[in-house]
Structures are given as structure tokens and as C-alpha cells.
Amino acid sequence: MKTKRYPYQLTLFTLLTLLLLSACSLFQPAPRDEPTGGWVDWDNKGGWTGYEASADGVYLEESGSSMALGSAPPEPSISIDAEKSESYPERSSQYASMRAGSVDDNAEWDDYLLYRQRFTEAGIHVHDLDVSERHIIRVTDSDGRPILGAVVTISDANGSELSRLQTTSDGRVLFFPKAIDGGEAQGYFIQAGKDGHEAALEIDSETLEHNLTLDARPATDPIRLDVFFLIDATGSMSDEIQQLKDNMISVSERIHALPSAPNVRFGMTIYRDRGDLFVSR
């Protein structure tokens, strides 16, 4: 007798197919409230806004331009007028020669005193020195040339030494009597000397510029020149470092070309921010 056979294979295939179809429905993208990024957004109604699909598989933007179906919308581009672009030089040509400024408070003394006054009125605490009375003492030879390295002593009427200074290359020293103890006298005695030659002068507090003449010869040895570079090497200055190197070489070459042939010493301190590899070197 023949037994009846059931189509188990067909039944199993049907079950697998139904499972796969139900699983696919789980992974269909759901409408999103926020834009999906790019230029095409979900419209919460089962479609996309911004572009319409044509029969030939091309998305048509509302403005009429087109893009291939399934491709990402084009990124916005920035156009630069050819004539205007000439006004934007290359980065390498943007570097101008480094310039430096200088401020001589002694040359603009009245401005400096006003600056100090405004600073004090701002209520900022400082270790203040009274420099309102400034005496300029010049030491020269008989031809009016400045004497470098002359020792200048200032004493009060009792002969007590108040200050001992040394002239710079321009033959000057600056004396600020109100900035030192005992500097309230009405008169002072100044004595300058070098190489056994001396000159003296008595001054009062009203006259502020004084000249002394020595028979000493001006220095004939090469002038000693110290050049010190204080360099900001923080991250914001990284683009300027190479330019600074070039300028340092240029400074050295120009000093070397001076007819006086000075005896030069170079110094350098580099500083960065706290937390960097170093703070100063």
C-alpha cells in the first residue's frame, strides 16, 4: 500500500519567505522630524523634499537643475571673480619686512610723566618712584665728543655721596634726586672722572641740564654692543619665526658692515605659554 506524502519542502520554503518579508518591513526607514543632512530632506509623508524624481531616474530640483538618482546632492561652491582674485596674493607674498618701533621716554619726557599720572589715577598698585625731577649730566672732551665710561658721583652739601653713575656711549647720566633717600636737598655737588682726569660742578635743583668737560680722550677701542632678542614663540607666532630668523641675520650683517666695527655680543630668550614644553629658554 502506498503512503501519502506531504509537500514538506514547499511548506518550509513558504514559511521562510514570509519571515524574510516581515523582517524587511522592520528595517524600512521611518519618517524623521529633523533634516537628514545634505540638501534632500524627508517630508514626513513618505517622500523627499527639495527634489522630484523624473521618469528617467533623475532628481529635479525645484529650480530646474538636475542630479543623478541616488547620488549625493552637490556641495555648494564658491566662485571668485577672476579680476578680483588678483587682489588676494599668495601666502608667501603676504610677509612684509619686519618693522620695529622704539619709545624713548627720556626724549618724550612730558608724555611719560602724563602716562605715569594716568596710570596712578587708574588705581593700579605699583612700586612707585618719584622721577618728576630729572637731571641730565653730560660729560664730553674739549672737542664736545662724548666720554664713555666716566664715573659721575653726586653728593649733597655735607659731602655725603647720594649716587654713583657711569656715562653711556652718549656721555650722559640721569640723576633723579627725589627717587633716592636724601634727595630733597636744594643743591648738589657733581664730580666726573676718567683716566685720572676730573671735573666738578655745583648745581641746584632748578637747573636740570649740566655739562662737564674732561681732558680724557674718547674711547678708541671698538665699541662694545650688546644685542638681545626677546622672542615670543607661542603658537600664534609660528608663522613669524622664519621671518624673524631672516631679520636676525640681516641685523647681524648690517652691524658687521658698520665702519666703527663694534664688538658685538648677541643674546636671546625665547618664551612660551605656561603648560607648553617650556616657559622660557
Foldseek 3Di string as FASTA:
>chain_A
DDDDDDPVVVVVVVVVVVVVVVVVVVPDDAADPDAPDAQWGGPNPPDIPQWDADPVQWTAGPVGDIDHHPDGDDDDDDDDDPVVVVVDDDPVVVDDQDDDDDDDCVVVVVVVVVVVVVVVVVVDDDPDFDQVQKAKEAEEAPVRQGAFFKWKWKAAPVRHTFDIDTAHNRRIDMDRLRRTPPSPGQKIKMKIDDPHWIWIDIGGSVDRYYYTYTNDDHDPPAAEEEAEEEEEPEPVCVVCVVSVVVVVVVVVVVQCPDPSRHRYDYYYKYAYDPPPPHGID
